[in-house]
């Protein structure tokens, strides 16, 4: 019985207090925090640019990690083979990412439209959070 009573009291309390939690009209975002001029069409370009940049960064880090493992293996056959697999996987990853970028460029040129990635393939910065504009 106490469990059921506790559940009922907590639900009623939630219903009475939930309206005061929504402070949408009371609190406004700081000026400059939300850009009202953001073009919705630039969001996919930003996402794709970030994904390409992240994929290239991770592939290079994986390549460096494989090189460090090769150096620290001290000629151990198992260690060298493991490091070689890391390096090969990183190179394959770089080729896949660059190949994907090439395929996207070719696809847009075949379709006869402008490639949004070619026009504004820059990573966002704090000064320019919307590089496509």
N, C-alpha and C. Protein backbone atom coordinates (compact mmCIF):
# COMPACT_ATOMS: atom_id res chain seq x y z
N UNK A 1 0.81 -1.20 0.00
CA UNK A 1 0.00 0.00 0.00
C UNK A 1 0.85 1.27 0.00
N UNK A 2 1.94 1.33 0.79
CA UNK A 2 2.76 2.55 0.77
C UNK A 2 3.38 2.82 -0.60
N UNK A 3 3.71 1.75 -1.33
CA UNK A 3 4.29 1.94 -2.67
C UNK A 3 3.29 2.59 -3.61
N UNK A 4 2.07 2.12 -3.59
CA UNK A 4 1.03 2.68 -4.46
C UNK A 4 0.75 4.12 -4.09
N UNK A 5 0.69 4.40 -2.80
CA UNK A 5 0.45 5.77 -2.34
C UNK A 5 1.60 6.69 -2.76
N UNK A 6 2.83 6.20 -2.63
CA UNK A 6 3.99 6.98 -3.04
C UNK A 6 3.98 7.27 -4.54
N UNK A 7 3.60 6.29 -5.32
CA UNK A 7 3.52 6.48 -6.77
C UNK A 7 2.46 7.50 -7.14
N UNK A 8 1.30 7.41 -6.49
CA UNK A 8 0.22 8.36 -6.78
C UNK A 8 0.62 9.77 -6.38
N UNK A 9 1.22 9.93 -5.21
CA UNK A 9 1.64 11.26 -4.75
C UNK A 9 2.71 11.83 -5.67
N UNK A 10 3.66 11.01 -6.12
CA UNK A 10 4.70 11.53 -7.00
C UNK A 10 4.13 11.94 -8.36
N UNK A 11 3.16 11.20 -8.87
CA UNK A 11 2.55 11.56 -10.15
C UNK A 11 1.75 12.85 -10.03
N UNK A 12 1.02 13.00 -8.95
CA UNK A 12 0.25 14.24 -8.76
C UNK A 12 1.20 15.42 -8.60
N UNK A 13 2.28 15.24 -7.84
CA UNK A 13 3.27 16.31 -7.67
C UNK A 13 3.87 16.69 -9.02
N UNK A 14 4.18 15.70 -9.82
CA UNK A 14 4.74 15.98 -11.15
C UNK A 14 3.76 16.79 -11.99
N UNK A 15 2.49 16.43 -11.96
CA UNK A 15 1.50 17.14 -12.77
C UNK A 15 1.36 18.60 -12.35
N UNK A 16 1.47 18.88 -11.05
CA UNK A 16 1.34 20.25 -10.58
C UNK A 16 2.60 21.07 -10.84
N UNK A 17 3.77 20.45 -10.80
CA UNK A 17 5.02 21.19 -10.93
C UNK A 17 5.54 21.24 -12.37
N UNK A 18 5.04 20.41 -13.25
CA UNK A 18 5.58 20.34 -14.60
C UNK A 18 5.35 21.64 -15.37
N UNK A 19 4.24 22.32 -15.12
CA UNK A 19 3.97 23.57 -15.82
C UNK A 19 4.96 24.66 -15.48
N UNK A 20 5.47 24.69 -14.27
CA UNK A 20 6.41 25.73 -13.89
C UNK A 20 7.82 25.46 -14.41
N UNK A 21 8.08 24.23 -14.83
CA UNK A 21 9.41 23.90 -15.34
C UNK A 21 9.62 24.50 -16.72
N UNK A 22 8.58 24.60 -17.51
CA UNK A 22 8.70 25.12 -18.86
C UNK A 22 8.83 26.63 -18.81
N UNK A 23 10.05 27.11 -18.76
CA UNK A 23 10.32 28.53 -18.61
C UNK A 23 10.61 29.17 -19.96
N UNK A 24 9.86 28.80 -20.98
CA UNK A 24 10.13 29.29 -22.31
C UNK A 24 9.91 30.79 -22.42
N UNK A 25 8.90 31.28 -21.79
CA UNK A 25 8.62 32.70 -21.90
C UNK A 25 9.45 33.54 -20.94
N UNK A 26 10.02 32.92 -19.92
CA UNK A 26 10.75 33.67 -18.91
C UNK A 26 12.22 33.85 -19.25
N UNK A 27 12.82 32.84 -19.86
CA UNK A 27 14.25 32.88 -20.14
C UNK A 27 14.46 32.93 -21.65
N UNK A 28 15.23 33.90 -22.10
CA UNK A 28 15.56 34.00 -23.51
C UNK A 28 17.03 33.66 -23.68
N UNK A 29 17.40 33.09 -24.84
CA UNK A 29 18.81 32.78 -25.05
C UNK A 29 19.62 34.06 -25.14
N UNK A 30 20.89 34.00 -24.79
CA UNK A 30 21.73 35.19 -24.89
C UNK A 30 21.81 35.68 -26.33
N UNK A 31 21.96 36.97 -26.49
CA UNK A 31 22.03 37.52 -27.84
C UNK A 31 23.25 36.96 -28.56
N UNK A 32 23.06 36.53 -29.77
CA UNK A 32 24.14 35.95 -30.56
C UNK A 32 24.27 34.45 -30.40
N UNK A 33 23.53 33.85 -29.46
CA UNK A 33 23.63 32.40 -29.26
C UNK A 33 22.89 31.64 -30.35
N UNK A 34 21.79 32.19 -30.81
CA UNK A 34 21.00 31.54 -31.86
C UNK A 34 20.99 32.47 -33.06
N UNK A 35 21.45 31.96 -34.19
CA UNK A 35 21.50 32.76 -35.40
C UNK A 35 20.18 32.58 -36.16
N UNK A 36 19.38 33.62 -36.26
CA UNK A 36 18.10 33.46 -36.96
C UNK A 36 18.26 33.35 -38.48
N UNK A 37 19.43 33.65 -39.00
CA UNK A 37 19.66 33.63 -40.44
C UNK A 37 20.28 32.32 -40.93
N UNK A 38 20.21 31.26 -40.14
CA UNK A 38 20.80 29.98 -40.53
C UNK A 38 19.96 29.38 -41.66
N UNK A 39 20.64 29.04 -42.74
CA UNK A 39 19.99 28.40 -43.88
C UNK A 39 19.94 26.90 -43.60
N UNK A 40 18.73 26.34 -43.63
CA UNK A 40 18.55 24.92 -43.32
C UNK A 40 19.28 24.05 -44.33
N UNK A 41 19.43 24.54 -45.56
CA UNK A 41 20.11 23.75 -46.59
C UNK A 41 21.60 23.61 -46.32
N UNK A 42 22.18 24.45 -45.47
CA UNK A 42 23.61 24.35 -45.18
C UNK A 42 23.92 23.33 -44.09
N UNK A 43 22.90 22.84 -43.38
CA UNK A 43 23.13 21.87 -42.32
C UNK A 43 23.66 20.54 -42.86
N UNK A 44 23.07 19.96 -43.92
CA UNK A 44 23.67 18.71 -44.45
C UNK A 44 25.10 18.90 -44.93
N UNK A 45 25.38 20.05 -45.52
CA UNK A 45 26.75 20.31 -45.97
C UNK A 45 27.69 20.33 -44.77
N UNK A 46 27.27 20.94 -43.69
CA UNK A 46 28.08 20.99 -42.48
C UNK A 46 28.29 19.59 -41.92
N UNK A 47 27.24 18.79 -41.88
CA UNK A 47 27.34 17.43 -41.35
C UNK A 47 28.28 16.59 -42.20
N UNK A 48 28.13 16.66 -43.52
CA UNK A 48 29.00 15.87 -44.41
C UNK A 48 30.44 16.34 -44.30
N UNK A 49 30.64 17.64 -44.23
CA UNK A 49 32.00 18.17 -44.09
C UNK A 49 32.63 17.69 -42.78
N UNK A 50 31.88 17.73 -41.70
CA UNK A 50 32.40 17.26 -40.42
C UNK A 50 32.69 15.76 -40.45
N UNK A 51 31.82 14.98 -41.09
CA UNK A 51 32.06 13.54 -41.16
C UNK A 51 33.30 13.21 -41.99
N UNK A 52 33.47 13.90 -43.12
CA UNK A 52 34.68 13.69 -43.92
C UNK A 52 35.93 14.08 -43.13
N UNK A 53 35.87 15.22 -42.48
CA UNK A 53 37.02 15.66 -41.68
C UNK A 53 37.32 14.71 -40.54
N UNK A 54 36.29 14.23 -39.86
CA UNK A 54 36.48 13.29 -38.76
C UNK A 54 37.04 11.97 -39.26
N UNK A 55 36.54 11.49 -40.39
CA UNK A 55 37.03 10.22 -40.94
C UNK A 55 38.50 10.32 -41.33
N UNK A 56 38.88 11.42 -41.95
CA UNK A 56 40.28 11.60 -42.33
C UNK A 56 41.15 11.72 -41.10
N UNK A 57 40.70 12.47 -40.10
CA UNK A 57 41.46 12.61 -38.86
C UNK A 57 41.67 11.27 -38.18
N UNK A 58 40.59 10.48 -38.06
CA UNK A 58 40.71 9.18 -37.40
C UNK A 58 41.60 8.23 -38.18
N UNK A 59 41.54 8.27 -39.51
CA UNK A 59 42.41 7.40 -40.31
C UNK A 59 43.88 7.77 -40.12
N UNK A 60 44.17 9.06 -40.07
CA UNK A 60 45.56 9.49 -39.86
C UNK A 60 46.03 9.12 -38.46
N UNK A 61 45.18 9.29 -37.46
CA UNK A 61 45.55 8.90 -36.10
C UNK A 61 45.80 7.39 -36.03
N UNK A 62 44.96 6.61 -36.68
CA UNK A 62 45.13 5.16 -36.71
C UNK A 62 46.43 4.78 -37.43
N UNK A 63 46.76 5.53 -38.48
CA UNK A 63 48.01 5.29 -39.19
C UNK A 63 49.21 5.59 -38.29
N UNK A 64 49.15 6.68 -37.58
CA UNK A 64 50.24 7.03 -36.65
C UNK A 64 50.35 5.99 -35.54
N UNK A 65 49.20 5.54 -35.04
CA UNK A 65 49.20 4.51 -34.00
C UNK A 65 49.86 3.23 -34.51
N UNK A 66 49.56 2.84 -35.73
CA UNK A 66 50.19 1.66 -36.32
C UNK A 66 51.69 1.83 -36.46
N UNK A 67 52.12 3.04 -36.85
CA UNK A 67 53.55 3.30 -36.96
C UNK A 67 54.26 3.23 -35.61
N UNK A 68 53.61 3.77 -34.59
CA UNK A 68 54.20 3.70 -33.25
C UNK A 68 54.29 2.26 -32.76
N UNK A 69 53.24 1.48 -33.05
CA UNK A 69 53.27 0.07 -32.66
C UNK A 69 54.37 -0.69 -33.40
N UNK A 70 54.60 -0.31 -34.67
CA UNK A 70 55.66 -0.95 -35.44
C UNK A 70 57.02 -0.64 -34.81
N UNK A 71 57.22 0.62 -34.46
CA UNK A 71 58.50 1.03 -33.88
C UNK A 71 58.74 0.35 -32.53
N UNK A 72 57.68 0.27 -31.72
CA UNK A 72 57.85 -0.29 -30.38
C UNK A 72 57.76 -1.82 -30.34
N UNK A 73 57.55 -2.46 -31.49
CA UNK A 73 57.46 -3.92 -31.49
C UNK A 73 58.82 -4.59 -31.34
N UNK A 74 59.90 -3.85 -31.60
CA UNK A 74 61.29 -4.33 -31.45
C UNK A 74 61.56 -5.60 -32.26
N UNK A 75 60.95 -5.69 -33.42
CA UNK A 75 61.22 -6.81 -34.31
C UNK A 75 60.43 -8.06 -33.99
N UNK A 76 59.56 -8.01 -33.01
CA UNK A 76 58.71 -9.15 -32.68
C UNK A 76 57.75 -9.38 -33.84
N UNK A 77 57.71 -10.63 -34.34
CA UNK A 77 56.92 -10.92 -35.53
C UNK A 77 55.44 -10.65 -35.30
N UNK A 78 54.91 -11.01 -34.16
CA UNK A 78 53.50 -10.79 -33.87
C UNK A 78 53.20 -9.29 -33.79
N UNK A 79 54.08 -8.54 -33.13
CA UNK A 79 53.89 -7.10 -33.00
C UNK A 79 53.99 -6.38 -34.33
N UNK A 80 54.96 -6.79 -35.16
CA UNK A 80 55.12 -6.17 -36.47
C UNK A 80 53.91 -6.48 -37.35
N UNK A 81 53.43 -7.70 -37.30
CA UNK A 81 52.27 -8.07 -38.11
C UNK A 81 51.02 -7.31 -37.66
N UNK A 82 50.86 -7.15 -36.37
CA UNK A 82 49.71 -6.39 -35.86
C UNK A 82 49.81 -4.92 -36.28
N UNK A 83 50.99 -4.35 -36.19
CA UNK A 83 51.19 -2.95 -36.60
C UNK A 83 50.97 -2.79 -38.10
N UNK A 84 51.43 -3.78 -38.88
CA UNK A 84 51.22 -3.72 -40.32
C UNK A 84 49.73 -3.76 -40.66
N UNK A 85 48.96 -4.56 -39.92
CA UNK A 85 47.52 -4.61 -40.14
C UNK A 85 46.87 -3.26 -39.81
N UNK A 86 47.34 -2.60 -38.75
CA UNK A 86 46.82 -1.28 -38.42
C UNK A 86 47.10 -0.28 -39.55
N UNK A 87 48.31 -0.32 -40.06
CA UNK A 87 48.70 0.62 -41.11
C UNK A 87 47.90 0.36 -42.39
N UNK A 88 47.76 -0.91 -42.75
CA UNK A 88 46.99 -1.24 -43.96
C UNK A 88 45.53 -0.82 -43.79
N UNK A 89 44.96 -1.04 -42.61
CA UNK A 89 43.57 -0.65 -42.37
C UNK A 89 43.41 0.87 -42.44
N UNK A 90 44.39 1.61 -41.93
CA UNK A 90 44.32 3.07 -41.99
C UNK A 90 44.42 3.57 -43.42
N UNK A 91 45.28 2.97 -44.21
CA UNK A 91 45.42 3.37 -45.61
C UNK A 91 44.15 3.03 -46.38
N UNK A 92 43.57 1.86 -46.12
CA UNK A 92 42.31 1.50 -46.78
C UNK A 92 41.22 2.49 -46.37
N UNK A 93 41.18 2.88 -45.11
CA UNK A 93 40.21 3.87 -44.66
C UNK A 93 40.36 5.20 -45.37
N UNK A 94 41.60 5.66 -45.52
CA UNK A 94 41.85 6.91 -46.25
C UNK A 94 41.40 6.79 -47.70
N UNK A 95 41.70 5.66 -48.33
CA UNK A 95 41.30 5.47 -49.72
C UNK A 95 39.78 5.45 -49.85
N UNK A 96 39.10 4.82 -48.91
CA UNK A 96 37.63 4.77 -48.95
C UNK A 96 37.05 6.17 -48.79
N UNK A 97 37.56 6.95 -47.85
CA UNK A 97 37.04 8.31 -47.63
C UNK A 97 37.29 9.18 -48.86
N UNK A 98 38.51 9.15 -49.37
CA UNK A 98 38.82 9.97 -50.55
C UNK A 98 38.06 9.47 -51.78
N UNK A 99 37.88 8.15 -51.89
CA UNK A 99 37.09 7.60 -52.99
C UNK A 99 35.63 8.02 -52.91
N UNK A 100 35.10 8.07 -51.70
CA UNK A 100 33.72 8.52 -51.52
C UNK A 100 33.58 9.98 -51.93
N UNK A 101 34.53 10.79 -51.54
CA UNK A 101 34.50 12.20 -51.93
C UNK A 101 34.56 12.33 -53.46
N UNK A 102 35.42 11.51 -54.11
CA UNK A 102 35.54 11.54 -55.56
C UNK A 102 34.23 11.09 -56.22
N UNK A 103 33.62 10.04 -55.70
CA UNK A 103 32.35 9.54 -56.27
C UNK A 103 31.26 10.59 -56.14
N UNK A 104 31.20 11.28 -55.01
CA UNK A 104 30.20 12.32 -54.83
C UNK A 104 30.41 13.44 -55.85
N UNK A 105 31.67 13.83 -56.06
CA UNK A 105 31.96 14.86 -57.06
C UNK A 105 31.55 14.42 -58.46
N UNK A 106 31.87 13.18 -58.82
CA UNK A 106 31.51 12.67 -60.14
C UNK A 106 30.00 12.58 -60.28
N UNK A 107 29.32 12.14 -59.25
CA UNK A 107 27.87 12.02 -59.29
C UNK A 107 27.21 13.38 -59.51
N UNK A 108 27.67 14.40 -58.82
CA UNK A 108 27.11 15.74 -59.01
C UNK A 108 27.42 16.29 -60.39
N UNK A 109 28.60 15.98 -60.93
CA UNK A 109 28.90 16.47 -62.27
C UNK A 109 28.08 15.74 -63.33
N UNK A 110 27.80 14.45 -63.14
CA UNK A 110 26.95 13.71 -64.07
C UNK A 110 25.53 14.24 -64.03
N UNK A 111 25.04 14.54 -62.84
CA UNK A 111 23.68 15.06 -62.70
C UNK A 111 23.56 16.50 -63.19
N UNK A 112 24.68 17.16 -63.35
CA UNK A 112 24.67 18.53 -63.87
C UNK A 112 24.29 19.58 -62.84
N UNK A 113 24.42 19.26 -61.58
CA UNK A 113 24.12 20.25 -60.54
C UNK A 113 25.41 20.69 -59.87
N UNK A 114 25.32 21.78 -59.15
CA UNK A 114 26.51 22.25 -58.44
C UNK A 114 26.70 21.42 -57.18
N UNK A 115 27.92 21.06 -56.91
CA UNK A 115 28.25 20.25 -55.75
C UNK A 115 28.40 21.16 -54.54
N UNK A 116 27.54 21.03 -53.55
CA UNK A 116 27.67 21.89 -52.37
C UNK A 116 28.93 21.60 -51.57
N UNK A 117 29.50 20.41 -51.72
CA UNK A 117 30.72 20.11 -50.99
C UNK A 117 31.92 20.80 -51.59
N UNK A 118 31.95 20.93 -52.90
CA UNK A 118 33.08 21.57 -53.56
C UNK A 118 33.09 23.07 -53.31
N UNK A 119 31.91 23.65 -53.27
CA UNK A 119 31.83 25.09 -53.11
C UNK A 119 32.22 25.54 -51.71
N UNK A 120 31.89 24.77 -50.71
CA UNK A 120 32.14 25.22 -49.36
C UNK A 120 32.68 24.13 -48.47
N UNK A 121 33.66 23.39 -48.91
CA UNK A 121 34.20 22.31 -48.10
C UNK A 121 35.22 22.86 -47.12
N UNK A 122 34.70 23.55 -46.11
CA UNK A 122 35.56 24.07 -45.06
C UNK A 122 34.96 23.66 -43.72
N UNK A 123 35.82 23.45 -42.76
CA UNK A 123 35.35 23.10 -41.44
C UNK A 123 34.94 24.37 -40.70
N UNK A 124 33.91 24.29 -39.87
CA UNK A 124 33.46 25.47 -39.15
C UNK A 124 34.46 25.90 -38.08
N UNK A 125 34.52 27.17 -37.84
CA UNK A 125 35.34 27.73 -36.77
C UNK A 125 34.45 28.55 -35.85
N UNK A 126 35.01 29.03 -34.78
CA UNK A 126 34.21 29.87 -33.88
C UNK A 126 33.84 31.19 -34.54
N UNK A 127 34.71 31.71 -35.39
CA UNK A 127 34.42 32.96 -36.07
C UNK A 127 33.42 32.78 -37.20
N UNK A 128 33.44 31.60 -37.84
CA UNK A 128 32.57 31.32 -38.97
C UNK A 128 31.88 29.97 -38.76
N UNK A 129 30.80 29.93 -37.94
CA UNK A 129 30.17 28.63 -37.67
C UNK A 129 29.39 28.07 -38.84
N UNK A 130 29.07 28.89 -39.84
CA UNK A 130 28.36 28.44 -41.04
C UNK A 130 29.25 28.68 -42.25
N UNK A 131 30.19 27.78 -42.53
CA UNK A 131 31.15 28.03 -43.60
C UNK A 131 30.54 28.08 -44.99
N UNK A 132 29.36 27.55 -45.19
CA UNK A 132 28.75 27.55 -46.51
C UNK A 132 28.10 28.86 -46.89
N UNK A 133 28.02 29.81 -45.97
CA UNK A 133 27.33 31.07 -46.27
C UNK A 133 28.30 32.17 -46.55
